[in-house]
């Protein structure tokens, strides 16, 4: 099963996941989520979190 991931960024991984799920119109159980980097507070601001999200449904229909 091959997934087509899209990357999302936000201050925290939770925010990035929410943003990605909303943009892709998916529920958590319909998605494959990979956290690439956790968001971190730095001396001069934030280092954004990065996540990759793909649809499980899209991969299943590609196989058929």
N, C-alpha and C. Protein backbone atom coordinates (compact mmCIF):
# COMPACT_ATOMS: atom_id res chain seq x y z
N UNK A 1 0.85 -1.18 0.00
CA UNK A 1 0.00 0.00 0.00
C UNK A 1 0.89 1.24 0.00
N UNK A 2 0.77 2.05 -1.01
CA UNK A 2 1.59 3.26 -1.10
C UNK A 2 0.75 4.49 -0.84
N UNK A 3 1.24 5.33 0.05
CA UNK A 3 0.51 6.52 0.44
C UNK A 3 1.12 7.76 -0.20
N UNK A 4 0.26 8.72 -0.53
CA UNK A 4 0.71 10.00 -1.05
C UNK A 4 0.58 11.02 0.08
N UNK A 5 1.72 11.36 0.69
CA UNK A 5 1.73 12.24 1.85
C UNK A 5 1.77 13.70 1.45
N UNK A 6 1.18 14.52 2.31
CA UNK A 6 1.25 15.97 2.17
C UNK A 6 1.76 16.51 3.51
N UNK A 7 2.67 17.48 3.46
CA UNK A 7 3.28 18.01 4.68
C UNK A 7 2.52 19.24 5.18
N UNK A 8 2.37 19.31 6.52
CA UNK A 8 1.72 20.44 7.17
C UNK A 8 2.59 20.91 8.32
N UNK A 9 2.58 22.22 8.56
CA UNK A 9 3.36 22.79 9.66
C UNK A 9 2.48 23.69 10.52
N UNK A 10 2.82 23.76 11.80
CA UNK A 10 2.16 24.64 12.76
C UNK A 10 3.04 24.70 14.00
N UNK A 11 2.62 25.49 15.00
CA UNK A 11 3.43 25.62 16.22
C UNK A 11 3.62 24.28 16.92
N UNK A 12 2.56 23.47 16.98
CA UNK A 12 2.65 22.16 17.64
C UNK A 12 2.22 21.08 16.65
N UNK A 13 2.61 19.85 16.95
CA UNK A 13 2.22 18.74 16.07
C UNK A 13 0.70 18.56 16.08
N UNK A 14 0.06 18.79 17.24
CA UNK A 14 -1.40 18.66 17.32
C UNK A 14 -2.09 19.67 16.39
N UNK A 15 -1.59 20.90 16.38
CA UNK A 15 -2.16 21.93 15.50
C UNK A 15 -1.93 21.58 14.03
N UNK A 16 -0.76 21.06 13.71
CA UNK A 16 -0.45 20.68 12.33
C UNK A 16 -1.34 19.52 11.88
N UNK A 17 -1.59 18.57 12.77
CA UNK A 17 -2.47 17.44 12.45
C UNK A 17 -3.89 17.94 12.21
N UNK A 18 -4.39 18.80 13.10
CA UNK A 18 -5.74 19.36 12.94
C UNK A 18 -5.87 20.09 11.61
N UNK A 19 -4.88 20.91 11.29
CA UNK A 19 -4.87 21.67 10.04
C UNK A 19 -4.91 20.73 8.84
N UNK A 20 -4.06 19.72 8.87
CA UNK A 20 -3.99 18.77 7.76
C UNK A 20 -5.27 17.97 7.57
N UNK A 21 -5.83 17.48 8.68
CA UNK A 21 -7.07 16.71 8.59
C UNK A 21 -8.20 17.57 8.05
N UNK A 22 -8.26 18.82 8.49
CA UNK A 22 -9.30 19.73 8.00
C UNK A 22 -9.14 19.99 6.51
N UNK A 23 -7.91 20.28 6.08
CA UNK A 23 -7.66 20.58 4.67
C UNK A 23 -7.94 19.38 3.77
N UNK A 24 -7.63 18.19 4.26
CA UNK A 24 -7.84 16.97 3.47
C UNK A 24 -9.23 16.37 3.67
N UNK A 25 -10.03 16.99 4.53
CA UNK A 25 -11.39 16.51 4.85
C UNK A 25 -11.38 15.06 5.33
N UNK A 26 -10.50 14.78 6.29
CA UNK A 26 -10.36 13.43 6.83
C UNK A 26 -10.59 13.42 8.33
N UNK A 27 -10.97 12.25 8.84
CA UNK A 27 -10.99 12.01 10.28
C UNK A 27 -9.68 11.32 10.62
N UNK A 28 -9.30 11.35 11.91
CA UNK A 28 -8.03 10.76 12.32
C UNK A 28 -7.92 9.30 11.92
N UNK A 29 -9.01 8.55 12.05
CA UNK A 29 -8.96 7.12 11.74
C UNK A 29 -8.89 6.84 10.23
N UNK A 30 -9.11 7.85 9.40
CA UNK A 30 -9.03 7.70 7.95
C UNK A 30 -7.66 8.12 7.41
N UNK A 31 -6.76 8.52 8.30
CA UNK A 31 -5.48 9.08 7.85
C UNK A 31 -4.28 8.32 8.41
N UNK A 32 -3.20 8.40 7.68
CA UNK A 32 -1.90 7.94 8.15
C UNK A 32 -1.13 9.21 8.51
N UNK A 33 -0.71 9.31 9.77
CA UNK A 33 -0.06 10.53 10.26
C UNK A 33 1.35 10.19 10.73
N UNK A 34 2.32 10.94 10.21
CA UNK A 34 3.72 10.77 10.61
C UNK A 34 4.24 12.11 11.11
N UNK A 35 4.64 12.15 12.39
CA UNK A 35 5.21 13.37 12.96
C UNK A 35 6.70 13.41 12.61
N UNK A 36 7.08 14.42 11.83
CA UNK A 36 8.48 14.57 11.41
C UNK A 36 9.29 15.34 12.45
N UNK A 37 8.69 16.40 12.99
CA UNK A 37 9.34 17.23 14.01
C UNK A 37 8.30 17.78 14.96
N UNK A 38 8.60 17.76 16.25
CA UNK A 38 7.74 18.38 17.25
C UNK A 38 8.02 19.88 17.26
N UNK A 39 7.03 20.70 17.54
CA UNK A 39 7.24 22.14 17.66
C UNK A 39 8.00 22.43 18.94
N UNK A 40 8.89 23.42 18.89
CA UNK A 40 9.71 23.75 20.05
C UNK A 40 9.77 25.26 20.24
N UNK A 41 9.65 25.67 21.48
CA UNK A 41 9.80 27.08 21.79
C UNK A 41 11.29 27.38 21.85
N UNK A 42 11.69 28.39 21.16
CA UNK A 42 13.10 28.80 21.11
C UNK A 42 13.25 30.16 21.77
N UNK A 43 14.45 30.59 21.89
CA UNK A 43 14.75 31.88 22.50
C UNK A 43 14.04 33.02 21.77
N UNK A 44 14.03 32.98 20.46
CA UNK A 44 13.43 34.05 19.67
C UNK A 44 12.19 33.59 18.91
N UNK A 45 11.35 32.78 19.53
CA UNK A 45 10.11 32.35 18.89
C UNK A 45 9.96 30.84 18.87
N UNK A 46 9.22 30.36 17.89
CA UNK A 46 8.92 28.94 17.77
C UNK A 46 9.63 28.31 16.59
N UNK A 47 9.97 27.03 16.75
CA UNK A 47 10.41 26.18 15.65
C UNK A 47 9.21 25.30 15.35
N UNK A 48 8.61 25.46 14.18
CA UNK A 48 7.36 24.79 13.85
C UNK A 48 7.47 23.27 13.82
N UNK A 49 6.36 22.64 14.19
CA UNK A 49 6.23 21.19 14.05
C UNK A 49 5.92 20.88 12.60
N UNK A 50 6.35 19.69 12.15
CA UNK A 50 6.07 19.23 10.79
C UNK A 50 5.46 17.84 10.85
N UNK A 51 4.37 17.64 10.11
CA UNK A 51 3.74 16.32 10.03
C UNK A 51 3.42 16.00 8.58
N UNK A 52 3.43 14.72 8.27
CA UNK A 52 2.98 14.23 6.97
C UNK A 52 1.67 13.51 7.18
N UNK A 53 0.70 13.77 6.31
CA UNK A 53 -0.60 13.12 6.41
C UNK A 53 -0.99 12.59 5.04
N UNK A 54 -1.52 11.36 5.03
CA UNK A 54 -2.02 10.75 3.80
C UNK A 54 -3.36 10.08 4.09
N UNK A 55 -4.17 9.96 3.07
CA UNK A 55 -5.47 9.31 3.19
C UNK A 55 -5.33 7.80 3.02
N UNK A 56 -5.87 7.03 3.96
CA UNK A 56 -5.90 5.57 3.82
C UNK A 56 -6.83 5.19 2.66
N UNK A 57 -7.91 5.94 2.50
CA UNK A 57 -8.90 5.64 1.45
C UNK A 57 -8.29 5.74 0.06
N UNK A 58 -7.48 6.76 -0.17
CA UNK A 58 -6.87 6.95 -1.49
C UNK A 58 -5.95 5.80 -1.85
N UNK A 59 -5.19 5.31 -0.88
CA UNK A 59 -4.27 4.20 -1.12
C UNK A 59 -5.04 2.91 -1.41
N UNK A 60 -6.17 2.70 -0.72
CA UNK A 60 -6.97 1.50 -0.94
C UNK A 60 -7.59 1.49 -2.33
N UNK A 61 -8.06 2.64 -2.80
CA UNK A 61 -8.67 2.68 -4.14
C UNK A 61 -7.63 2.56 -5.23
N UNK A 62 -6.39 2.98 -4.98
CA UNK A 62 -5.31 2.83 -5.97
C UNK A 62 -4.97 1.37 -6.20
N UNK A 63 -5.11 0.54 -5.16
CA UNK A 63 -4.75 -0.87 -5.27
C UNK A 63 -5.75 -1.67 -6.10
N UNK A 64 -6.99 -1.25 -6.13
CA UNK A 64 -8.05 -2.03 -6.80
C UNK A 64 -8.05 -1.86 -8.28
